[in-house]
Amino acid sequence: MRTFQDACGTSLLLGGAADPAIACPVRSGTDGTCLGLTSGGTLAVANDFTVVSGGEGITGIQVYWNDASFPSSTPVTVHLWSDPNGDGTPADAVSLASISALSSSGWTTYAFGTPVYVGPGGSGFFAGFVASHPRGQYPVAIDSGPGVDATWIATTADFTGAALLSSYGYPENAMIWALG
């Protein structure tokens, strides 16, 4: 078992020996909590969405950045991923579109040039980002709930070993929206 420590000094136990040190929160203001890797590194985070009939085209992704926890102008890649087997997990996610961009402050919209087809009504997809960060930065802003158990987090860009954010004791949602 491995542990990590939050900004308040509370140690938390991770689920298994294979789990890397996942998230170290820092309390912020409006967004609730921000998370990042204890030692820094690459982090992928995505929210799971269900396509609504008539809303099969996604025009962009909004991400909330807390620049006190993750500096503005940090390189990130914002992604829209499909869920090929429809199981609601990003283990087999395929990138449909991505935008290499910079973080900002507050809600930031990353627009696609044309709407991206994410599947028929009722199918699932993921919207999120991949970021690399040093120790002491926390790119993932999460709200103050209630959570819907739809935020996935991984220490690899391809979601290998991804787990629900709630499995780490955070029942909130990453502040990421898909726009249609």
N, C-alpha and C. Protein backbone atom coordinates (compact mmCIF):
# COMPACT_ATOMS: atom_id res chain seq x y z
N MET A 1 0.84 -1.18 0.00
CA MET A 1 0.00 0.00 0.00
C MET A 1 0.89 1.25 0.00
N ARG A 2 0.42 2.29 -0.69
CA ARG A 2 1.15 3.54 -0.74
C ARG A 2 0.30 4.64 -0.16
N THR A 3 0.93 5.68 0.31
CA THR A 3 0.19 6.80 0.87
C THR A 3 0.55 8.09 0.15
N PHE A 4 -0.32 9.03 0.26
CA PHE A 4 -0.01 10.39 -0.18
C PHE A 4 -0.57 11.31 0.87
N GLN A 5 -0.18 12.55 0.82
CA GLN A 5 -0.56 13.49 1.85
C GLN A 5 -1.24 14.69 1.22
N ASP A 6 -2.33 15.14 1.86
CA ASP A 6 -2.99 16.33 1.33
C ASP A 6 -2.36 17.57 1.93
N ALA A 7 -2.76 18.71 1.42
CA ALA A 7 -2.16 19.98 1.83
C ALA A 7 -2.38 20.28 3.31
N CYS A 8 -3.37 19.63 3.92
CA CYS A 8 -3.64 19.84 5.34
C CYS A 8 -2.84 18.88 6.22
N GLY A 9 -2.04 18.00 5.60
CA GLY A 9 -1.22 17.06 6.36
C GLY A 9 -1.88 15.73 6.63
N THR A 10 -3.05 15.47 6.05
CA THR A 10 -3.74 14.21 6.26
C THR A 10 -3.19 13.16 5.30
N SER A 11 -2.74 12.02 5.83
CA SER A 11 -2.26 10.94 4.97
C SER A 11 -3.41 10.05 4.59
N LEU A 12 -3.43 9.65 3.32
CA LEU A 12 -4.47 8.79 2.81
C LEU A 12 -3.83 7.55 2.21
N LEU A 13 -4.49 6.41 2.35
CA LEU A 13 -3.96 5.14 1.87
C LEU A 13 -4.57 4.82 0.52
N LEU A 14 -3.71 4.46 -0.44
CA LEU A 14 -4.19 4.06 -1.75
C LEU A 14 -4.51 2.58 -1.74
N GLY A 15 -5.28 2.16 -2.75
CA GLY A 15 -5.84 0.81 -2.78
C GLY A 15 -4.89 -0.35 -2.93
N GLY A 16 -3.78 -0.23 -3.61
CA GLY A 16 -2.93 -1.39 -3.82
C GLY A 16 -1.50 -0.99 -4.12
N ALA A 17 -0.61 -1.95 -4.07
CA ALA A 17 0.81 -1.70 -4.27
C ALA A 17 1.10 -1.15 -5.66
N ALA A 18 0.28 -1.51 -6.65
CA ALA A 18 0.52 -1.05 -8.01
C ALA A 18 0.11 0.40 -8.22
N ASP A 19 -0.68 0.96 -7.31
CA ASP A 19 -1.13 2.35 -7.47
C ASP A 19 0.02 3.31 -7.21
N PRO A 20 0.28 4.22 -8.15
CA PRO A 20 1.26 5.27 -7.86
C PRO A 20 0.62 6.29 -6.93
N ALA A 21 1.41 7.19 -6.43
CA ALA A 21 0.85 8.26 -5.60
C ALA A 21 -0.02 9.12 -6.50
N ILE A 22 -1.31 9.07 -6.30
CA ILE A 22 -2.25 9.69 -7.23
C ILE A 22 -2.41 11.18 -7.02
N ALA A 23 -3.09 11.58 -5.99
CA ALA A 23 -3.52 12.97 -5.95
C ALA A 23 -3.20 13.62 -4.62
N CYS A 24 -2.73 14.82 -4.69
CA CYS A 24 -2.46 15.60 -3.49
C CYS A 24 -3.29 16.86 -3.59
N PRO A 25 -4.33 16.99 -2.77
CA PRO A 25 -5.20 18.15 -2.92
C PRO A 25 -4.68 19.39 -2.22
N VAL A 26 -5.12 20.50 -2.71
CA VAL A 26 -4.90 21.77 -2.03
C VAL A 26 -6.24 22.48 -2.02
N ARG A 27 -6.61 23.02 -0.91
CA ARG A 27 -7.90 23.72 -0.81
C ARG A 27 -7.82 25.04 -1.56
N SER A 28 -8.83 25.31 -2.33
CA SER A 28 -8.88 26.58 -3.05
C SER A 28 -10.18 27.28 -2.66
N GLY A 29 -10.64 28.16 -3.48
CA GLY A 29 -11.85 28.91 -3.15
C GLY A 29 -13.09 28.35 -3.80
N THR A 30 -13.46 28.89 -4.92
CA THR A 30 -14.72 28.56 -5.56
C THR A 30 -14.80 27.14 -6.08
N ASP A 31 -13.69 26.54 -6.47
CA ASP A 31 -13.75 25.24 -7.09
C ASP A 31 -13.66 24.09 -6.11
N GLY A 32 -13.49 24.30 -4.85
CA GLY A 32 -13.49 23.22 -3.87
C GLY A 32 -12.11 22.69 -3.59
N THR A 33 -11.59 21.85 -4.46
CA THR A 33 -10.30 21.21 -4.26
C THR A 33 -9.59 21.08 -5.59
N CYS A 34 -8.28 21.11 -5.58
CA CYS A 34 -7.49 20.85 -6.78
C CYS A 34 -6.59 19.66 -6.50
N LEU A 35 -6.40 18.81 -7.50
CA LEU A 35 -5.63 17.59 -7.35
C LEU A 35 -4.49 17.54 -8.34
N GLY A 36 -3.41 16.88 -7.93
CA GLY A 36 -2.28 16.64 -8.81
C GLY A 36 -1.49 15.48 -8.27
N LEU A 37 -0.49 15.05 -9.01
CA LEU A 37 0.36 13.95 -8.56
C LEU A 37 1.33 14.44 -7.50
N THR A 38 1.47 13.69 -6.45
CA THR A 38 2.31 14.08 -5.33
C THR A 38 3.71 14.48 -5.77
N SER A 39 4.32 13.67 -6.62
CA SER A 39 5.69 13.94 -7.08
C SER A 39 5.73 14.63 -8.44
N GLY A 40 4.56 14.99 -8.97
CA GLY A 40 4.50 15.54 -10.32
C GLY A 40 4.49 14.41 -11.34
N GLY A 41 4.25 14.74 -12.59
CA GLY A 41 4.23 13.75 -13.66
C GLY A 41 3.08 14.00 -14.61
N THR A 42 2.76 12.99 -15.41
CA THR A 42 1.67 13.10 -16.38
C THR A 42 0.38 12.61 -15.75
N LEU A 43 -0.67 13.36 -15.97
CA LEU A 43 -1.97 13.06 -15.39
C LEU A 43 -3.03 13.20 -16.48
N ALA A 44 -3.90 12.20 -16.59
CA ALA A 44 -5.04 12.27 -17.51
C ALA A 44 -6.30 12.27 -16.67
N VAL A 45 -7.25 13.10 -17.04
CA VAL A 45 -8.52 13.18 -16.33
C VAL A 45 -9.63 13.40 -17.36
N ALA A 46 -10.75 12.72 -17.16
CA ALA A 46 -11.86 12.87 -18.09
C ALA A 46 -13.17 12.61 -17.38
N ASN A 47 -14.20 13.30 -17.84
CA ASN A 47 -15.56 13.04 -17.38
C ASN A 47 -16.27 12.19 -18.44
N ASP A 48 -17.08 11.27 -17.96
CA ASP A 48 -17.88 10.38 -18.81
C ASP A 48 -19.21 11.06 -19.11
N PHE A 49 -19.58 11.12 -20.38
CA PHE A 49 -20.84 11.74 -20.80
C PHE A 49 -21.65 10.75 -21.63
N THR A 50 -22.96 10.94 -21.67
CA THR A 50 -23.85 10.17 -22.53
C THR A 50 -24.42 11.10 -23.59
N VAL A 51 -24.36 10.66 -24.85
CA VAL A 51 -24.85 11.45 -25.97
C VAL A 51 -26.38 11.56 -25.89
N VAL A 52 -26.88 12.79 -26.02
CA VAL A 52 -28.31 13.05 -26.06
C VAL A 52 -28.70 13.13 -27.54
N SER A 53 -29.81 12.50 -27.92
CA SER A 53 -30.28 12.58 -29.31
C SER A 53 -30.36 14.04 -29.75
N GLY A 54 -29.79 14.31 -30.90
CA GLY A 54 -29.73 15.67 -31.41
C GLY A 54 -28.47 16.40 -30.99
N GLY A 55 -27.71 15.83 -30.06
CA GLY A 55 -26.48 16.45 -29.57
C GLY A 55 -25.25 15.63 -29.87
N GLU A 56 -25.23 15.01 -31.05
CA GLU A 56 -24.14 14.10 -31.41
C GLU A 56 -22.85 14.80 -31.81
N GLY A 57 -22.91 16.12 -31.99
CA GLY A 57 -21.73 16.88 -32.38
C GLY A 57 -21.24 17.75 -31.24
N ILE A 58 -20.00 17.58 -30.83
CA ILE A 58 -19.40 18.37 -29.75
C ILE A 58 -18.56 19.48 -30.38
N THR A 59 -18.84 20.71 -29.97
CA THR A 59 -18.16 21.88 -30.55
C THR A 59 -16.94 22.33 -29.75
N GLY A 60 -16.84 21.88 -28.50
CA GLY A 60 -15.70 22.27 -27.69
C GLY A 60 -15.76 21.67 -26.31
N ILE A 61 -14.74 21.96 -25.55
CA ILE A 61 -14.62 21.47 -24.16
C ILE A 61 -14.29 22.67 -23.29
N GLN A 62 -14.97 22.76 -22.15
CA GLN A 62 -14.65 23.79 -21.16
C GLN A 62 -13.95 23.12 -19.97
N VAL A 63 -12.88 23.75 -19.51
CA VAL A 63 -12.14 23.27 -18.35
C VAL A 63 -11.97 24.44 -17.38
N TYR A 64 -12.16 24.17 -16.10
CA TYR A 64 -11.90 25.19 -15.09
C TYR A 64 -10.48 25.02 -14.58
N TRP A 65 -9.69 26.09 -14.67
CA TRP A 65 -8.31 26.08 -14.17
C TRP A 65 -8.22 27.02 -12.98
N ASN A 66 -7.65 26.55 -11.89
CA ASN A 66 -7.39 27.40 -10.73
C ASN A 66 -5.93 27.80 -10.83
N ASP A 67 -5.67 29.02 -11.29
CA ASP A 67 -4.27 29.40 -11.53
C ASP A 67 -3.46 29.57 -10.25
N ALA A 68 -4.08 29.54 -9.10
CA ALA A 68 -3.31 29.53 -7.85
C ALA A 68 -2.72 28.14 -7.60
N SER A 69 -3.31 27.11 -8.22
CA SER A 69 -2.86 25.73 -8.04
C SER A 69 -2.13 25.17 -9.25
N PHE A 70 -2.42 25.74 -10.42
CA PHE A 70 -1.83 25.29 -11.69
C PHE A 70 -1.66 26.54 -12.55
N PRO A 71 -0.43 27.01 -12.72
CA PRO A 71 -0.20 28.31 -13.36
C PRO A 71 -0.80 28.44 -14.76
N SER A 72 -1.35 29.61 -15.04
CA SER A 72 -1.81 29.92 -16.40
C SER A 72 -0.66 29.76 -17.37
N SER A 73 -1.00 29.45 -18.61
CA SER A 73 -0.04 29.28 -19.70
C SER A 73 0.79 28.02 -19.59
N THR A 74 0.32 27.03 -18.82
CA THR A 74 0.97 25.73 -18.77
C THR A 74 0.45 24.89 -19.94
N PRO A 75 1.31 24.23 -20.71
CA PRO A 75 0.84 23.41 -21.82
C PRO A 75 -0.04 22.24 -21.35
N VAL A 76 -1.15 22.04 -22.05
CA VAL A 76 -2.08 20.94 -21.80
C VAL A 76 -2.58 20.44 -23.15
N THR A 77 -3.12 19.24 -23.17
CA THR A 77 -3.80 18.75 -24.37
C THR A 77 -5.21 18.37 -23.95
N VAL A 78 -6.18 19.04 -24.55
CA VAL A 78 -7.59 18.80 -24.27
C VAL A 78 -8.08 17.76 -25.28
N HIS A 79 -8.82 16.76 -24.79
CA HIS A 79 -9.23 15.64 -25.65
C HIS A 79 -10.72 15.39 -25.59
N LEU A 80 -11.21 14.84 -26.69
CA LEU A 80 -12.53 14.24 -26.77
C LEU A 80 -12.26 12.79 -27.16
N TRP A 81 -12.70 11.84 -26.32
CA TRP A 81 -12.44 10.41 -26.56
C TRP A 81 -13.75 9.66 -26.74
N SER A 82 -13.73 8.64 -27.59
CA SER A 82 -14.89 7.75 -27.72
C SER A 82 -14.79 6.65 -26.67
N ASP A 83 -15.90 5.96 -26.47
CA ASP A 83 -15.94 4.77 -25.60
C ASP A 83 -16.34 3.60 -26.51
N PRO A 84 -15.37 3.03 -27.24
CA PRO A 84 -15.67 2.05 -28.28
C PRO A 84 -16.55 0.87 -27.86
N ASN A 85 -16.32 0.35 -26.66
CA ASN A 85 -17.13 -0.81 -26.26
C ASN A 85 -18.30 -0.43 -25.36
N GLY A 86 -18.48 0.85 -25.09
CA GLY A 86 -19.64 1.32 -24.35
C GLY A 86 -19.71 0.90 -22.90
N ASP A 87 -18.55 0.58 -22.31
CA ASP A 87 -18.58 0.11 -20.92
C ASP A 87 -18.47 1.22 -19.89
N GLY A 88 -18.32 2.47 -20.33
CA GLY A 88 -18.25 3.59 -19.41
C GLY A 88 -16.91 3.79 -18.74
N THR A 89 -15.89 3.03 -19.16
CA THR A 89 -14.54 3.22 -18.63
C THR A 89 -13.62 3.65 -19.77
N PRO A 90 -12.61 4.47 -19.50
CA PRO A 90 -11.74 4.97 -20.56
C PRO A 90 -10.57 4.05 -20.91
N ALA A 91 -10.56 2.82 -20.41
CA ALA A 91 -9.43 1.92 -20.66
C ALA A 91 -9.17 1.72 -22.16
N ASP A 92 -10.23 1.75 -22.97
CA ASP A 92 -10.09 1.57 -24.41
C ASP A 92 -10.43 2.84 -25.18
N ALA A 93 -10.41 3.98 -24.51
CA ALA A 93 -10.80 5.24 -25.14
C ALA A 93 -9.93 5.54 -26.36
N VAL A 94 -10.57 6.07 -27.39
CA VAL A 94 -9.88 6.46 -28.62
C VAL A 94 -10.09 7.95 -28.82
N SER A 95 -9.00 8.67 -29.04
CA SER A 95 -9.10 10.12 -29.22
C SER A 95 -9.81 10.45 -30.53
N LEU A 96 -10.89 11.21 -30.43
CA LEU A 96 -11.63 11.67 -31.60
C LEU A 96 -11.11 13.03 -32.07
N ALA A 97 -10.66 13.83 -31.13
CA ALA A 97 -10.14 15.16 -31.43
C ALA A 97 -9.32 15.63 -30.23
N SER A 98 -8.32 16.44 -30.51
CA SER A 98 -7.52 17.01 -29.42
C SER A 98 -7.04 18.39 -29.82
N ILE A 99 -6.78 19.18 -28.80
CA ILE A 99 -6.27 20.54 -28.99
C ILE A 99 -5.10 20.73 -28.04
N SER A 100 -3.92 20.99 -28.59
CA SER A 100 -2.77 21.36 -27.76
C SER A 100 -2.92 22.84 -27.46
N ALA A 101 -2.93 23.17 -26.18
CA ALA A 101 -3.25 24.55 -25.79
C ALA A 101 -2.52 24.90 -24.50
N LEU A 102 -2.94 25.99 -23.89
CA LEU A 102 -2.38 26.44 -22.62
C LEU A 102 -3.50 26.55 -21.60
N SER A 103 -3.16 26.27 -20.34
CA SER A 103 -4.14 26.49 -19.28
C SER A 103 -4.35 27.99 -19.14
N SER A 104 -5.38 28.35 -18.41
CA SER A 104 -5.71 29.76 -18.24
C SER A 104 -6.13 29.98 -16.80
N SER A 105 -7.04 30.89 -16.58
CA SER A 105 -7.57 31.16 -15.26
C SER A 105 -9.09 31.12 -15.34
N GLY A 106 -9.72 30.31 -14.50
CA GLY A 106 -11.17 30.19 -14.53
C GLY A 106 -11.63 29.27 -15.65
N TRP A 107 -12.91 29.40 -16.02
CA TRP A 107 -13.47 28.58 -17.09
C TRP A 107 -12.85 28.98 -18.42
N THR A 108 -12.30 28.01 -19.15
CA THR A 108 -11.65 28.24 -20.43
C THR A 108 -12.30 27.32 -21.46
N THR A 109 -12.70 27.89 -22.59
CA THR A 109 -13.32 27.11 -23.66
C THR A 109 -12.28 26.81 -24.74
N TYR A 110 -12.19 25.54 -25.10
CA TYR A 110 -11.33 25.08 -26.19
C TYR A 110 -12.27 24.60 -27.28
N ALA A 111 -12.35 25.35 -28.39
CA ALA A 111 -13.32 25.07 -29.45
C ALA A 111 -12.69 24.26 -30.58
N PHE A 112 -13.45 23.29 -31.09
CA PHE A 112 -13.04 22.54 -32.27
C PHE A 112 -13.48 23.34 -33.50
N GLY A 113 -12.74 23.22 -34.61
CA GLY A 113 -13.06 23.96 -35.83
C GLY A 113 -14.44 23.60 -36.37
N THR A 114 -14.80 22.35 -36.28
CA THR A 114 -16.12 21.88 -36.69
C THR A 114 -16.60 20.90 -35.62
N PRO A 115 -17.92 20.71 -35.48
CA PRO A 115 -18.42 19.76 -34.48
C PRO A 115 -17.84 18.36 -34.70
N VAL A 116 -17.50 17.70 -33.61
CA VAL A 116 -16.93 16.35 -33.65
C VAL A 116 -18.04 15.36 -33.31
N TYR A 117 -18.29 14.42 -34.19
CA TYR A 117 -19.32 13.40 -33.98
C TYR A 117 -18.83 12.43 -32.90
N VAL A 118 -19.64 12.25 -31.85
CA VAL A 118 -19.25 11.38 -30.74
C VAL A 118 -20.08 10.10 -30.65
N GLY A 119 -21.02 9.92 -31.56
CA GLY A 119 -21.81 8.69 -31.57
C GLY A 119 -23.29 9.00 -31.51
N PRO A 120 -24.10 7.95 -31.69
CA PRO A 120 -25.55 8.14 -31.66
C PRO A 120 -26.06 8.37 -30.24
N GLY A 121 -27.28 8.88 -30.14
CA GLY A 121 -27.90 9.08 -28.84
C GLY A 121 -27.80 7.82 -27.98
N GLY A 122 -27.47 8.01 -26.72
CA GLY A 122 -27.35 6.90 -25.78
C GLY A 122 -25.95 6.33 -25.66
N SER A 123 -25.06 6.64 -26.60
CA SER A 123 -23.69 6.13 -26.49
C SER A 123 -22.87 7.04 -25.57
N GLY A 124 -21.71 6.56 -25.17
CA GLY A 124 -20.89 7.33 -24.24
C GLY A 124 -19.64 7.90 -24.88
N PHE A 125 -19.11 8.93 -24.27
CA PHE A 125 -17.83 9.51 -24.68
C PHE A 125 -17.21 10.19 -23.47
N PHE A 126 -15.96 10.60 -23.61
CA PHE A 126 -15.22 11.24 -22.52
C PHE A 126 -14.66 12.57 -23.01
N ALA A 127 -14.66 13.56 -22.14
CA ALA A 127 -14.03 14.86 -22.41
C ALA A 127 -13.08 15.15 -21.25
N GLY A 128 -11.88 15.58 -21.58
CA GLY A 128 -10.92 15.85 -20.52
C GLY A 128 -9.62 16.40 -21.04
N PHE A 129 -8.56 16.17 -20.29
CA PHE A 129 -7.25 16.68 -20.68
C PHE A 129 -6.14 15.81 -20.14
N VAL A 130 -4.96 16.01 -20.72
CA VAL A 130 -3.72 15.40 -20.26
C VAL A 130 -2.76 16.55 -19.97
N ALA A 131 -2.14 16.50 -18.81
CA ALA A 131 -1.19 17.55 -18.43
C ALA A 131 -0.01 16.93 -17.69
N SER A 132 1.15 17.49 -17.89
CA SER A 132 2.32 17.14 -17.09
C SER A 132 2.59 18.31 -16.17
N HIS A 133 2.96 17.99 -14.94
CA HIS A 133 3.18 19.07 -13.98
C HIS A 133 4.25 18.66 -12.98
N PRO A 134 4.95 19.65 -12.41
CA PRO A 134 5.94 19.35 -11.38
C PRO A 134 5.27 19.18 -10.02
N ARG A 135 6.04 18.68 -9.09
CA ARG A 135 5.59 18.56 -7.70
C ARG A 135 5.10 19.94 -7.23
N GLY A 136 3.98 19.95 -6.50
CA GLY A 136 3.48 21.20 -5.94
C GLY A 136 2.46 21.91 -6.82
N GLN A 137 2.17 21.37 -8.00
CA GLN A 137 1.12 21.93 -8.84
C GLN A 137 -0.04 20.95 -8.90
N TYR A 138 -1.26 21.47 -9.06
CA TYR A 138 -2.47 20.67 -8.96
C TYR A 138 -3.43 21.05 -10.10
N PRO A 139 -3.33 20.38 -11.25
CA PRO A 139 -4.11 20.80 -12.42
C PRO A 139 -5.60 20.48 -12.40
N VAL A 140 -6.04 19.51 -11.62
CA VAL A 140 -7.43 19.07 -11.70
C VAL A 140 -8.29 19.80 -10.67
N ALA A 141 -9.13 20.72 -11.14
CA ALA A 141 -10.08 21.40 -10.26
C ALA A 141 -11.32 20.53 -10.13
N ILE A 142 -11.74 20.27 -8.90
CA ILE A 142 -12.97 19.51 -8.70
C ILE A 142 -13.95 20.38 -7.94
N ASP A 143 -15.24 20.17 -8.25
CA ASP A 143 -16.27 20.99 -7.63
C ASP A 143 -16.56 20.50 -6.21
N SER A 144 -17.51 21.13 -5.57
CA SER A 144 -17.83 20.75 -4.20
C SER A 144 -19.01 19.78 -4.14
N GLY A 145 -19.32 19.13 -5.28
CA GLY A 145 -20.32 18.07 -5.31
C GLY A 145 -21.73 18.59 -5.50
N PRO A 146 -22.69 17.73 -5.49
CA PRO A 146 -22.53 16.29 -5.32
C PRO A 146 -21.98 15.65 -6.59
N GLY A 147 -21.23 14.59 -6.41
CA GLY A 147 -20.63 13.89 -7.53
C GLY A 147 -21.62 12.95 -8.20
N VAL A 148 -21.31 12.63 -9.45
CA VAL A 148 -22.14 11.67 -10.18
C VAL A 148 -21.32 10.45 -10.57
N ASP A 149 -20.15 10.28 -9.96
CA ASP A 149 -19.27 9.14 -10.19
C ASP A 149 -18.93 8.99 -11.67
N ALA A 150 -18.50 10.08 -12.29
CA ALA A 150 -18.22 10.07 -13.72
C ALA A 150 -16.83 10.59 -14.06
N THR A 151 -16.00 10.92 -13.07
CA THR A 151 -14.66 11.44 -13.33
C THR A 151 -13.64 10.32 -13.20
N TRP A 152 -12.86 10.15 -14.26
CA TRP A 152 -11.80 9.15 -14.31
C TRP A 152 -10.45 9.85 -14.25
N ILE A 153 -9.49 9.23 -13.57
CA ILE A 153 -8.16 9.82 -13.42
C ILE A 153 -7.12 8.71 -13.60
N ALA A 154 -6.00 9.05 -14.26
CA ALA A 154 -4.93 8.08 -14.50
C ALA A 154 -3.58 8.78 -14.51
N THR A 155 -2.55 8.02 -14.27
CA THR A 155 -1.19 8.57 -14.28
C THR A 155 -0.50 8.29 -15.61
N THR A 156 -1.29 7.94 -16.62
CA THR A 156 -0.77 7.74 -17.97
C THR A 156 -1.69 8.49 -18.93
N ALA A 157 -1.14 8.93 -20.05
CA ALA A 157 -1.94 9.67 -21.03
C ALA A 157 -2.97 8.79 -21.72
N ASP A 158 -2.77 7.46 -21.69
CA ASP A 158 -3.69 6.55 -22.38
C ASP A 158 -4.69 5.88 -21.45
N PHE A 159 -4.79 6.33 -20.23
CA PHE A 159 -5.75 5.84 -19.23
C PHE A 159 -5.48 4.41 -18.75
N THR A 160 -4.28 3.90 -18.97
CA THR A 160 -3.93 2.61 -18.38
C THR A 160 -4.03 2.74 -16.87
N GLY A 161 -4.74 1.82 -16.25
CA GLY A 161 -4.89 1.85 -14.79
C GLY A 161 -5.82 2.93 -14.28
N ALA A 162 -6.67 3.49 -15.14
CA ALA A 162 -7.58 4.56 -14.72
C ALA A 162 -8.53 4.07 -13.64
N ALA A 163 -8.90 4.98 -12.76
CA ALA A 163 -9.86 4.68 -11.70
C ALA A 163 -10.79 5.87 -11.52
N LEU A 164 -11.96 5.60 -11.02
CA LEU A 164 -12.88 6.69 -10.71
C LEU A 164 -12.30 7.56 -9.60
N LEU A 165 -12.46 8.84 -9.72
CA LEU A 165 -11.98 9.78 -8.70
C LEU A 165 -12.55 9.42 -7.33
N SER A 166 -13.79 8.96 -7.31
CA SER A 166 -14.43 8.59 -6.04
C SER A 166 -13.72 7.44 -5.34
N SER A 167 -13.00 6.60 -6.09
CA SER A 167 -12.29 5.48 -5.46
C SER A 167 -11.11 5.97 -4.62
N TYR A 168 -10.72 7.23 -4.80
CA TYR A 168 -9.65 7.83 -3.99
C TYR A 168 -10.20 8.70 -2.88
N GLY A 169 -11.51 8.62 -2.67
CA GLY A 169 -12.12 9.36 -1.57
C GLY A 169 -12.62 10.74 -1.93
N TYR A 170 -12.71 11.04 -3.21
CA TYR A 170 -13.22 12.33 -3.66
C TYR A 170 -14.52 12.11 -4.42
N PRO A 171 -15.67 12.31 -3.79
CA PRO A 171 -16.95 12.04 -4.45
C PRO A 171 -17.42 13.18 -5.35
N GLU A 172 -16.55 14.12 -5.64
CA GLU A 172 -16.91 15.26 -6.47
C GLU A 172 -16.63 14.97 -7.95
N ASN A 173 -16.79 16.00 -8.79
CA ASN A 173 -16.57 15.90 -10.23
C ASN A 173 -15.43 16.83 -10.65
N ALA A 174 -14.65 16.38 -11.65
CA ALA A 174 -13.70 17.31 -12.27
C ALA A 174 -14.52 18.37 -13.00
N MET A 175 -14.01 19.58 -13.00
CA MET A 175 -14.73 20.69 -13.61
C MET A 175 -14.41 20.76 -15.10
N ILE A 176 -15.03 19.84 -15.84
CA ILE A 176 -14.84 19.69 -17.28
C ILE A 176 -16.22 19.51 -17.91
N TRP A 177 -16.50 20.25 -18.97
CA TRP A 177 -17.79 20.16 -19.67
C TRP A 177 -17.56 19.91 -21.15
N ALA A 178 -18.44 19.15 -21.76
CA ALA A 178 -18.46 19.01 -23.21
C ALA A 178 -19.54 19.94 -23.74
N LEU A 179 -19.23 20.68 -24.77
CA LEU A 179 -20.17 21.64 -25.34
C LEU A 179 -20.72 21.13 -26.67
N GLY A 180 -22.02 21.22 -26.86
CA GLY A 180 -22.62 20.71 -28.10
C GLY A 180 -23.57 21.68 -28.72
